[in-house]
Amino acid sequence: MSEFVSQLSDSLYAVFQSETFVLLNTVDQESGGPTSSAISWVYAVDHSTLRLALDHRSRLVDNIKANPRVTVTVFGQDTIYAINGSATVTQDPLAEVPFKMCCFDVHIDAVRNALFYGAQLVAAPEYAKIYDKRAADKLDSQVFAAMKKA
């Protein structure tokens, strides 16, 4: 079993100060089973809190409202981290964005190294936005600005 700490290290905090993507794991409200979805509207408010924004059309919003326990999986430097915590609604709907979104704060309980023993992450996965780059940049700016004000 891996050891854990209850807040983000300085280097992991820095990862969440610029755009990154994570896997958000929730409990499905209908099946009761685990779910995992990739999201990119996430940043660290401080070393103990992650803030994320979700489109209301996503099942994740209802999943979290029904069961606030979440795990955020992030690809860090050399390893993969599982960040466990409880999510609370910060702002619903999120102000100053062009469609209905919900903003959550994840209060961190534990940060664990989730990579199997004896392995090291050689390179973090990368993604590319395949729709209108200008529109994507504008929307990202709006959402992150609104999240920081929430």
N, C-alpha and C. Protein backbone atom coordinates (compact mmCIF):
# COMPACT_ATOMS: atom_id res chain seq x y z
N MET A 1 0.85 -1.18 0.00
CA MET A 1 0.00 0.00 0.00
C MET A 1 0.90 1.24 0.00
N SER A 2 0.59 2.20 -0.86
CA SER A 2 1.43 3.39 -0.96
C SER A 2 1.13 4.36 0.18
N GLU A 3 2.16 5.07 0.60
CA GLU A 3 1.99 6.08 1.63
C GLU A 3 1.29 7.29 1.00
N PHE A 4 0.64 8.08 1.87
CA PHE A 4 -0.05 9.25 1.34
C PHE A 4 0.22 10.47 2.21
N VAL A 5 -0.02 11.62 1.62
CA VAL A 5 0.00 12.89 2.32
C VAL A 5 -1.37 13.52 2.13
N SER A 6 -1.68 14.53 2.90
CA SER A 6 -3.03 15.10 2.85
C SER A 6 -3.12 16.41 2.09
N GLN A 7 -2.06 16.76 1.37
CA GLN A 7 -2.12 17.96 0.53
C GLN A 7 -1.15 17.84 -0.63
N LEU A 8 -1.29 18.73 -1.59
CA LEU A 8 -0.44 18.73 -2.78
C LEU A 8 0.97 19.19 -2.42
N SER A 9 1.96 18.53 -2.99
CA SER A 9 3.34 19.01 -2.87
C SER A 9 3.47 20.29 -3.71
N ASP A 10 4.55 21.02 -3.53
CA ASP A 10 4.76 22.23 -4.33
C ASP A 10 4.81 21.91 -5.82
N SER A 11 5.47 20.81 -6.20
CA SER A 11 5.57 20.47 -7.62
C SER A 11 4.22 20.04 -8.20
N LEU A 12 3.42 19.34 -7.42
CA LEU A 12 2.10 18.94 -7.91
C LEU A 12 1.16 20.14 -7.94
N TYR A 13 1.27 21.02 -6.97
CA TYR A 13 0.50 22.27 -6.98
C TYR A 13 0.79 23.05 -8.26
N ALA A 14 2.08 23.10 -8.65
CA ALA A 14 2.48 23.83 -9.87
C ALA A 14 1.84 23.23 -11.11
N VAL A 15 1.67 21.90 -11.14
CA VAL A 15 1.02 21.24 -12.29
C VAL A 15 -0.38 21.80 -12.48
N PHE A 16 -1.08 22.08 -11.37
CA PHE A 16 -2.46 22.55 -11.43
C PHE A 16 -2.58 24.06 -11.58
N GLN A 17 -1.49 24.75 -11.81
CA GLN A 17 -1.55 26.20 -12.05
C GLN A 17 -1.64 26.53 -13.53
N SER A 18 -1.48 25.55 -14.39
CA SER A 18 -1.67 25.75 -15.82
C SER A 18 -2.56 24.62 -16.33
N GLU A 19 -3.02 24.75 -17.54
CA GLU A 19 -3.96 23.77 -18.07
C GLU A 19 -3.35 22.38 -18.10
N THR A 20 -4.07 21.45 -17.56
CA THR A 20 -3.69 20.05 -17.56
C THR A 20 -4.96 19.23 -17.65
N PHE A 21 -4.84 17.97 -17.93
CA PHE A 21 -6.05 17.15 -17.89
C PHE A 21 -5.87 16.08 -16.84
N VAL A 22 -7.01 15.68 -16.29
CA VAL A 22 -7.03 14.68 -15.24
C VAL A 22 -8.14 13.68 -15.54
N LEU A 23 -8.12 12.57 -14.85
CA LEU A 23 -9.24 11.65 -14.86
C LEU A 23 -10.02 11.90 -13.58
N LEU A 24 -11.30 12.20 -13.72
CA LEU A 24 -12.17 12.42 -12.57
C LEU A 24 -12.98 11.16 -12.36
N ASN A 25 -12.80 10.54 -11.21
CA ASN A 25 -13.49 9.31 -10.87
C ASN A 25 -14.60 9.63 -9.88
N THR A 26 -15.82 9.22 -10.21
CA THR A 26 -16.98 9.44 -9.37
C THR A 26 -17.72 8.12 -9.19
N VAL A 27 -18.74 8.15 -8.34
CA VAL A 27 -19.63 7.01 -8.18
C VAL A 27 -20.88 7.30 -9.00
N ASP A 28 -21.19 6.41 -9.95
CA ASP A 28 -22.35 6.61 -10.82
C ASP A 28 -23.62 6.56 -9.98
N GLN A 29 -24.45 7.58 -10.11
CA GLN A 29 -25.65 7.67 -9.28
C GLN A 29 -26.68 6.60 -9.61
N GLU A 30 -26.66 6.07 -10.82
CA GLU A 30 -27.64 5.05 -11.20
C GLU A 30 -27.15 3.63 -10.89
N SER A 31 -25.94 3.32 -11.29
CA SER A 31 -25.45 1.94 -11.11
C SER A 31 -24.76 1.72 -9.77
N GLY A 32 -24.28 2.81 -9.15
CA GLY A 32 -23.52 2.68 -7.91
C GLY A 32 -22.08 2.26 -8.14
N GLY A 33 -21.71 2.07 -9.39
CA GLY A 33 -20.36 1.66 -9.73
C GLY A 33 -19.45 2.84 -10.01
N PRO A 34 -18.16 2.58 -10.13
CA PRO A 34 -17.20 3.65 -10.41
C PRO A 34 -17.28 4.12 -11.86
N THR A 35 -16.99 5.39 -12.07
CA THR A 35 -16.90 5.96 -13.42
C THR A 35 -15.62 6.78 -13.50
N SER A 36 -15.13 6.98 -14.70
CA SER A 36 -13.93 7.78 -14.91
C SER A 36 -14.11 8.59 -16.19
N SER A 37 -13.84 9.89 -16.10
CA SER A 37 -13.95 10.78 -17.25
C SER A 37 -12.77 11.74 -17.26
N ALA A 38 -12.29 12.06 -18.44
CA ALA A 38 -11.20 13.03 -18.59
C ALA A 38 -11.79 14.43 -18.59
N ILE A 39 -11.19 15.33 -17.80
CA ILE A 39 -11.60 16.73 -17.78
C ILE A 39 -10.35 17.61 -17.80
N SER A 40 -10.51 18.87 -18.23
CA SER A 40 -9.35 19.76 -18.24
C SER A 40 -9.61 21.08 -17.52
N TRP A 41 -10.83 21.35 -17.09
CA TRP A 41 -11.09 22.57 -16.33
C TRP A 41 -10.89 22.28 -14.86
N VAL A 42 -9.65 22.28 -14.45
CA VAL A 42 -9.27 21.99 -13.07
C VAL A 42 -8.05 22.82 -12.72
N TYR A 43 -8.02 23.35 -11.51
CA TYR A 43 -6.81 24.03 -11.03
C TYR A 43 -6.78 23.95 -9.50
N ALA A 44 -5.62 24.18 -8.93
CA ALA A 44 -5.46 24.14 -7.48
C ALA A 44 -5.69 25.54 -6.91
N VAL A 45 -6.67 25.65 -6.02
CA VAL A 45 -6.93 26.90 -5.31
C VAL A 45 -5.81 27.13 -4.31
N ASP A 46 -5.44 26.06 -3.62
CA ASP A 46 -4.33 26.06 -2.67
C ASP A 46 -3.83 24.62 -2.57
N HIS A 47 -2.98 24.32 -1.62
CA HIS A 47 -2.40 22.99 -1.53
C HIS A 47 -3.38 21.93 -1.00
N SER A 48 -4.55 22.37 -0.55
CA SER A 48 -5.55 21.45 0.02
C SER A 48 -6.85 21.39 -0.77
N THR A 49 -6.94 22.18 -1.85
CA THR A 49 -8.21 22.27 -2.58
C THR A 49 -7.99 22.33 -4.09
N LEU A 50 -8.70 21.45 -4.80
CA LEU A 50 -8.77 21.54 -6.26
C LEU A 50 -10.13 22.10 -6.63
N ARG A 51 -10.18 22.93 -7.64
CA ARG A 51 -11.46 23.46 -8.14
C ARG A 51 -11.64 22.95 -9.56
N LEU A 52 -12.85 22.50 -9.87
CA LEU A 52 -13.14 22.02 -11.22
C LEU A 52 -14.49 22.52 -11.68
N ALA A 53 -14.63 22.63 -12.98
CA ALA A 53 -15.88 23.08 -13.60
C ALA A 53 -16.35 21.99 -14.54
N LEU A 54 -17.67 21.73 -14.49
CA LEU A 54 -18.27 20.69 -15.32
C LEU A 54 -19.51 21.22 -16.01
N ASP A 55 -19.66 20.85 -17.25
CA ASP A 55 -20.85 21.18 -18.02
C ASP A 55 -22.04 20.45 -17.38
N HIS A 56 -23.16 21.16 -17.22
CA HIS A 56 -24.34 20.55 -16.60
C HIS A 56 -24.89 19.37 -17.41
N ARG A 57 -24.53 19.27 -18.66
CA ARG A 57 -25.00 18.13 -19.46
C ARG A 57 -24.25 16.84 -19.10
N SER A 58 -23.17 16.97 -18.34
CA SER A 58 -22.37 15.81 -17.94
C SER A 58 -23.04 15.09 -16.77
N ARG A 59 -23.01 13.77 -16.81
CA ARG A 59 -23.51 12.95 -15.70
C ARG A 59 -22.70 13.19 -14.43
N LEU A 60 -21.47 13.68 -14.59
CA LEU A 60 -20.59 13.89 -13.44
C LEU A 60 -21.20 14.84 -12.41
N VAL A 61 -21.92 15.85 -12.88
CA VAL A 61 -22.53 16.82 -11.96
C VAL A 61 -23.49 16.11 -11.01
N ASP A 62 -24.41 15.32 -11.56
CA ASP A 62 -25.37 14.61 -10.73
C ASP A 62 -24.69 13.53 -9.88
N ASN A 63 -23.67 12.88 -10.43
CA ASN A 63 -22.93 11.88 -9.66
C ASN A 63 -22.34 12.50 -8.40
N ILE A 64 -21.68 13.64 -8.56
CA ILE A 64 -21.01 14.28 -7.42
C ILE A 64 -22.04 14.82 -6.42
N LYS A 65 -23.14 15.36 -6.92
CA LYS A 65 -24.16 15.87 -6.00
C LYS A 65 -24.78 14.73 -5.20
N ALA A 66 -24.88 13.53 -5.80
CA ALA A 66 -25.43 12.37 -5.09
C ALA A 66 -24.42 11.73 -4.15
N ASN A 67 -23.13 11.75 -4.53
CA ASN A 67 -22.07 11.16 -3.71
C ASN A 67 -20.82 12.00 -3.91
N PRO A 68 -20.46 12.82 -2.94
CA PRO A 68 -19.36 13.78 -3.12
C PRO A 68 -17.95 13.19 -3.11
N ARG A 69 -17.79 11.90 -2.83
CA ARG A 69 -16.46 11.28 -2.80
C ARG A 69 -15.93 11.13 -4.23
N VAL A 70 -14.76 11.69 -4.49
CA VAL A 70 -14.15 11.64 -5.82
C VAL A 70 -12.68 11.29 -5.71
N THR A 71 -12.14 10.83 -6.83
CA THR A 71 -10.69 10.68 -6.98
C THR A 71 -10.30 11.39 -8.26
N VAL A 72 -9.28 12.22 -8.17
CA VAL A 72 -8.72 12.90 -9.32
C VAL A 72 -7.38 12.24 -9.60
N THR A 73 -7.23 11.69 -10.80
CA THR A 73 -5.98 11.03 -11.18
C THR A 73 -5.23 11.97 -12.13
N VAL A 74 -3.98 12.27 -11.78
CA VAL A 74 -3.19 13.21 -12.57
C VAL A 74 -1.83 12.60 -12.88
N PHE A 75 -1.35 12.90 -14.06
CA PHE A 75 -0.03 12.45 -14.50
C PHE A 75 0.96 13.53 -14.11
N GLY A 76 1.79 13.24 -13.11
CA GLY A 76 2.76 14.21 -12.62
C GLY A 76 4.13 13.91 -13.18
N GLN A 77 5.13 14.52 -12.56
CA GLN A 77 6.51 14.30 -12.98
C GLN A 77 6.94 12.93 -12.49
N ASP A 78 7.23 12.03 -13.40
CA ASP A 78 7.74 10.69 -13.13
C ASP A 78 6.71 9.68 -12.61
N THR A 79 5.51 10.13 -12.24
CA THR A 79 4.55 9.19 -11.67
C THR A 79 3.11 9.63 -11.91
N ILE A 80 2.19 8.83 -11.43
CA ILE A 80 0.75 9.12 -11.51
C ILE A 80 0.25 9.25 -10.08
N TYR A 81 -0.56 10.28 -9.83
CA TYR A 81 -1.09 10.51 -8.50
C TYR A 81 -2.60 10.31 -8.48
N ALA A 82 -3.09 9.71 -7.40
CA ALA A 82 -4.51 9.61 -7.12
C ALA A 82 -4.79 10.54 -5.95
N ILE A 83 -5.66 11.52 -6.19
CA ILE A 83 -6.00 12.51 -5.17
C ILE A 83 -7.44 12.25 -4.75
N ASN A 84 -7.62 11.84 -3.49
CA ASN A 84 -8.93 11.51 -2.97
C ASN A 84 -9.47 12.69 -2.18
N GLY A 85 -10.78 12.91 -2.29
CA GLY A 85 -11.38 13.99 -1.53
C GLY A 85 -12.88 14.01 -1.64
N SER A 86 -13.46 15.05 -1.05
CA SER A 86 -14.90 15.27 -1.10
C SER A 86 -15.16 16.58 -1.83
N ALA A 87 -16.12 16.55 -2.74
CA ALA A 87 -16.44 17.72 -3.54
C ALA A 87 -17.68 18.43 -3.00
N THR A 88 -17.61 19.75 -2.99
CA THR A 88 -18.77 20.56 -2.61
C THR A 88 -19.01 21.57 -3.73
N VAL A 89 -20.26 21.93 -3.90
CA VAL A 89 -20.61 22.93 -4.92
C VAL A 89 -20.09 24.29 -4.46
N THR A 90 -19.35 24.95 -5.33
CA THR A 90 -18.83 26.28 -5.05
C THR A 90 -19.72 27.33 -5.69
N GLN A 91 -20.17 27.06 -6.92
CA GLN A 91 -21.06 27.99 -7.61
C GLN A 91 -21.85 27.21 -8.66
N ASP A 92 -23.17 27.35 -8.61
CA ASP A 92 -24.05 26.65 -9.56
C ASP A 92 -25.27 27.51 -9.85
N PRO A 93 -25.34 28.05 -11.06
CA PRO A 93 -24.40 27.87 -12.17
C PRO A 93 -23.18 28.78 -12.04
N LEU A 94 -22.13 28.39 -12.71
CA LEU A 94 -20.90 29.19 -12.74
C LEU A 94 -21.17 30.45 -13.53
N ALA A 95 -20.90 31.60 -12.93
CA ALA A 95 -21.19 32.89 -13.56
C ALA A 95 -20.22 33.20 -14.69
N GLU A 96 -20.68 34.00 -15.64
CA GLU A 96 -19.87 34.58 -16.70
C GLU A 96 -19.29 33.57 -17.68
N VAL A 97 -20.00 32.45 -17.90
CA VAL A 97 -19.61 31.50 -18.94
C VAL A 97 -20.82 31.33 -19.86
N PRO A 98 -20.59 30.96 -21.12
CA PRO A 98 -21.67 30.96 -22.11
C PRO A 98 -22.68 29.82 -22.01
N PHE A 99 -22.47 28.84 -21.15
CA PHE A 99 -23.46 27.78 -20.98
C PHE A 99 -23.46 27.33 -19.52
N LYS A 100 -24.47 26.60 -19.13
CA LYS A 100 -24.65 26.23 -17.72
C LYS A 100 -23.58 25.23 -17.28
N MET A 101 -22.83 25.65 -16.26
CA MET A 101 -21.77 24.82 -15.69
C MET A 101 -21.91 24.85 -14.18
N CYS A 102 -21.33 23.84 -13.54
CA CYS A 102 -21.29 23.76 -12.09
C CYS A 102 -19.82 23.75 -11.67
N CYS A 103 -19.51 24.54 -10.65
CA CYS A 103 -18.14 24.63 -10.14
C CYS A 103 -18.09 23.94 -8.78
N PHE A 104 -17.12 23.04 -8.63
CA PHE A 104 -16.94 22.27 -7.39
C PHE A 104 -15.56 22.53 -6.81
N ASP A 105 -15.48 22.49 -5.48
CA ASP A 105 -14.19 22.45 -4.80
C ASP A 105 -14.02 21.04 -4.26
N VAL A 106 -12.86 20.46 -4.51
CA VAL A 106 -12.53 19.14 -3.99
C VAL A 106 -11.57 19.36 -2.82
N HIS A 107 -12.02 19.02 -1.63
CA HIS A 107 -11.23 19.16 -0.41
C HIS A 107 -10.41 17.87 -0.26
N ILE A 108 -9.11 18.01 -0.39
CA ILE A 108 -8.21 16.86 -0.48
C ILE A 108 -8.05 16.16 0.87
N ASP A 109 -8.27 14.83 0.85
CA ASP A 109 -8.03 13.99 2.02
C ASP A 109 -6.69 13.27 1.92
N ALA A 110 -6.34 12.84 0.71
CA ALA A 110 -5.11 12.05 0.53
C ALA A 110 -4.57 12.20 -0.89
N VAL A 111 -3.26 12.22 -1.00
CA VAL A 111 -2.56 12.22 -2.29
C VAL A 111 -1.65 11.00 -2.25
N ARG A 112 -1.86 10.10 -3.21
CA ARG A 112 -1.08 8.85 -3.24
C ARG A 112 -0.39 8.68 -4.59
N ASN A 113 0.78 8.05 -4.55
CA ASN A 113 1.43 7.61 -5.78
C ASN A 113 0.64 6.40 -6.27
N ALA A 114 0.09 6.48 -7.47
CA ALA A 114 -0.77 5.42 -7.98
C ALA A 114 -0.10 4.56 -9.05
N LEU A 115 1.17 4.79 -9.30
CA LEU A 115 1.89 4.00 -10.30
C LEU A 115 2.38 2.71 -9.66
N PHE A 116 2.33 1.63 -10.39
CA PHE A 116 2.73 0.34 -9.83
C PHE A 116 4.21 0.35 -9.45
N TYR A 117 4.53 -0.49 -8.48
CA TYR A 117 5.87 -0.56 -7.91
C TYR A 117 6.91 -0.84 -9.01
N GLY A 118 8.01 -0.12 -8.94
CA GLY A 118 9.12 -0.35 -9.84
C GLY A 118 9.01 0.35 -11.18
N ALA A 119 7.98 1.19 -11.33
CA ALA A 119 7.79 1.88 -12.61
C ALA A 119 7.99 3.39 -12.44
N GLN A 120 8.35 4.03 -13.54
CA GLN A 120 8.49 5.47 -13.58
C GLN A 120 7.83 5.97 -14.85
N LEU A 121 7.07 7.03 -14.76
CA LEU A 121 6.42 7.62 -15.92
C LEU A 121 7.49 8.32 -16.77
N VAL A 122 7.61 7.90 -18.01
CA VAL A 122 8.64 8.45 -18.89
C VAL A 122 8.16 9.76 -19.52
N ALA A 123 6.89 9.79 -19.90
CA ALA A 123 6.30 11.00 -20.50
C ALA A 123 4.82 11.03 -20.16
N ALA A 124 4.35 12.20 -19.84
CA ALA A 124 2.92 12.35 -19.55
C ALA A 124 2.14 12.33 -20.87
N PRO A 125 0.92 11.81 -20.85
CA PRO A 125 0.10 11.84 -22.08
C PRO A 125 -0.20 13.28 -22.47
N GLU A 126 -0.34 13.50 -23.75
CA GLU A 126 -0.69 14.82 -24.27
C GLU A 126 -1.99 14.72 -25.04
N TYR A 127 -2.70 15.83 -25.14
CA TYR A 127 -3.93 15.86 -25.90
C TYR A 127 -3.94 17.10 -26.79
N ALA A 128 -4.77 17.06 -27.80
CA ALA A 128 -4.93 18.20 -28.70
C ALA A 128 -6.42 18.47 -28.83
N LYS A 129 -6.78 19.73 -28.81
CA LYS A 129 -8.17 20.12 -29.02
C LYS A 129 -8.39 20.15 -30.53
N ILE A 130 -9.39 19.42 -30.97
CA ILE A 130 -9.58 19.24 -32.41
C ILE A 130 -10.68 20.11 -32.99
N TYR A 131 -11.21 21.02 -32.19
CA TYR A 131 -12.18 21.97 -32.72
C TYR A 131 -11.52 23.34 -32.84
N ASP A 132 -12.26 24.32 -33.25
CA ASP A 132 -11.77 25.68 -33.49
C ASP A 132 -10.86 26.16 -32.35
N LYS A 133 -9.57 26.31 -32.63
CA LYS A 133 -8.57 26.68 -31.63
C LYS A 133 -8.90 28.03 -30.97
N ARG A 134 -9.31 28.98 -31.78
CA ARG A 134 -9.64 30.30 -31.24
C ARG A 134 -10.83 30.22 -30.29
N ALA A 135 -11.86 29.47 -30.66
CA ALA A 135 -13.03 29.30 -29.82
C ALA A 135 -12.67 28.55 -28.54
N ALA A 136 -11.83 27.54 -28.65
CA ALA A 136 -11.40 26.76 -27.48
C ALA A 136 -10.63 27.64 -26.50
N ASP A 137 -9.71 28.45 -27.02
CA ASP A 137 -8.93 29.34 -26.15
C ASP A 137 -9.82 30.36 -25.46
N LYS A 138 -10.79 30.91 -26.18
CA LYS A 138 -11.72 31.88 -25.61
C LYS A 138 -12.55 31.24 -24.50
N LEU A 139 -13.10 30.06 -24.76
CA LEU A 139 -13.90 29.37 -23.76
C LEU A 139 -13.06 29.00 -22.54
N ASP A 140 -11.86 28.48 -22.76
CA ASP A 140 -10.99 28.14 -21.63
C ASP A 140 -10.70 29.38 -20.78
N SER A 141 -10.43 30.51 -21.41
CA SER A 141 -10.17 31.75 -20.67
C SER A 141 -11.38 32.16 -19.84
N GLN A 142 -12.58 32.07 -20.43
CA GLN A 142 -13.79 32.42 -19.71
C GLN A 142 -14.02 31.51 -18.51
N VAL A 143 -13.88 30.21 -18.74
CA VAL A 143 -14.14 29.25 -17.67
C VAL A 143 -13.12 29.40 -16.54
N PHE A 144 -11.83 29.47 -16.86
CA PHE A 144 -10.83 29.60 -15.80
C PHE A 144 -10.98 30.91 -15.04
N ALA A 145 -11.29 32.00 -15.74
CA ALA A 145 -11.51 33.29 -15.05
C ALA A 145 -12.70 33.19 -14.10
N ALA A 146 -13.77 32.56 -14.55
CA ALA A 146 -14.96 32.41 -13.70
C ALA A 146 -14.67 31.50 -12.51
N MET A 147 -13.91 30.43 -12.73
CA MET A 147 -13.55 29.52 -11.64
C MET A 147 -12.75 30.24 -10.56
N LYS A 148 -11.85 31.10 -10.99
CA LYS A 148 -10.99 31.79 -10.03
C LYS A 148 -11.77 32.83 -9.22
N LYS A 149 -12.89 33.33 -9.78
CA LYS A 149 -13.73 34.29 -9.06
C LYS A 149 -14.73 33.58 -8.15
N ALA A 150 -15.04 32.32 -8.43
CA ALA A 150 -16.10 31.60 -7.69
C ALA A 150 -15.77 31.46 -6.22
